[in-house]
Structure formats: structure tokens, C-alpha cells
Amino acid sequence: MSNEKTTHFGYQQVPVAEKATRVREVFDSVASRYDLMNDLMSLGIHRLWKRHTIELAGVRRGQRVLDLASGTGDLADRFAGIVGPEGCVVMSDINAAMLTEGRSRMLDRGRVGNLHYALVNAEKIPFGDDRFDCVTIGFGLRNVTDKQAALDEMYRVLRPGGRGLILEFSHPVSKSLGKVYDLYSFSVLPTLGRLVVNDPGSYRYLAESIRMHPDQEMLRSMMETAGFERCEYFNHSGGIVAIHRGYKL
């Protein structure tokens, strides 16, 4: 009998060492159509979720922001405009294909000077202690193998007084909504994946990974374990998405 440690990849159990590679393959597959799929899957509502995340972050001119799992850079783009030339935004992702897409998008928008790019594993952030005023991760924590390690790292690199924010799919607050959401997730999402990116499997994984992600209260508890204080969350779309915020005090 093997003693190799395993973790979940969607509903599958896979060796811990394999999960990052499998997640990377998923996002390599969808990177070129990532923005289009976001709009189709959420009917454009993801823009409102991200707008509220920006508001809750309370970032000001001249501050330093680390955006983990940036994808194509929706949050990083807004932060770069807010912090101005005196500030700094690090747009990061563990996936090179996604980061390349995001960098091209930012260059097309003329975002240069205060925006930097880095390949970063959220479990092992390559920056010193107390470096950033705000650390965010949008729709990325559920793909991390060791979520507690990522939260610990987010807390470590924050300056005292800094904020950590997690925008992520979560758990519907009503059973009736949950049933509708399940039907949508396991029927519509894979169909969209097949039609748009010819990859239904990646979007089946997305649906499964959401179900395996900690619920709102569990994630708040994990943030507190990492050291965050005044932790709270804000449900959107009936709990389908939640924004968690905590402070390093």
C-alpha cells in the first residue's frame, strides 16, 4: 500500500506533487479564451464582484499591492490606476500562459511603469516579510494545493495595517439556489467549455473544484489561523461568490 500523500483535483484524488501540474494544464488550455469564458459563465456579473473587491481593498495612491493568481489582470489593472506612479502593483500567477496573456493585455492598455510581473506560487511567495499594503487573490485560492500555506504567506508579506482579500466561488446560502447552481455548473459550464475552447473537461474541473473549496465560515476560520484579524466576508449572488477580507494588525 502506498503512503504517498494525496489531495483533491476536482473530485479526483491525486498525488500532492501532481496537482500543480494538472491545474497548470487546465489554464494552459483555456488561457486564450479566459476573458470570453468569464463573461459567458457569469453573464458579465464577474465585473461587479471584482469592483466590490477593489472597493473593499481600500488601496490608496503610493501603496504596494500584490495580486496573486492575476489571470488576465482585471484586479491588477484597476489597482495600478489607483496607486499611481508612486505606487507599485505586482501582477503574479503560477501559470506562465495566463501571465503572458495578462501582460499582453496590460501592454495593449498602456499599463506600464508601476506594474510588474512575476511567476509566483501562492504557497511560497518570493518576497520578504511586511512588503505590501494589500494582497489579493481572485478566483485562484481553490486551485492551490495547500490553501492554509497560501493564507500564511499572504499574511507574512503584508505590512502591519495591511489587508488581505480573497475573491472566490463559494457555497450558495439556500438549498434551492444550490440545486439550480449544480444543474448549471455540471450541464451548462462543460457545454460552454466544449463550444468555446473545445475543452469541456477543464470546466467540469472548475465546477468540481468549487464544491471542494471551503465554505464561507471555514475560510474565515482559516484566515484567522493564519493570523488575520477582523475577518469578514461578503456574499454575492446568493453565496455563489464571496469576498473575504482580513487585516494584519
Foldseek 3Di string as FASTA:
>chain_A
DDPFDWFDQQNDTDGLVCLVVVLLVLCLLCLVCVVVLVCVLVVNCVLVLLVVVLVVQPDAALFEEEEEQCQLNPNVLVNLVHNDLNYAYEREYLHPSRQVNNVVVCVVVVRDRRYHYDNAQLLCGPDAFQAGQEYEYEAPLLSHRDSLSSLLSRLRNHHAFHKYKYKHFAAAPDPVVRVVVLCCQQPVQLVCCCVPRNCSPSSNSVSSSRVVDDHDVVVQVSNVVSPFPPWDKDADPRRRIIMIMTGRD
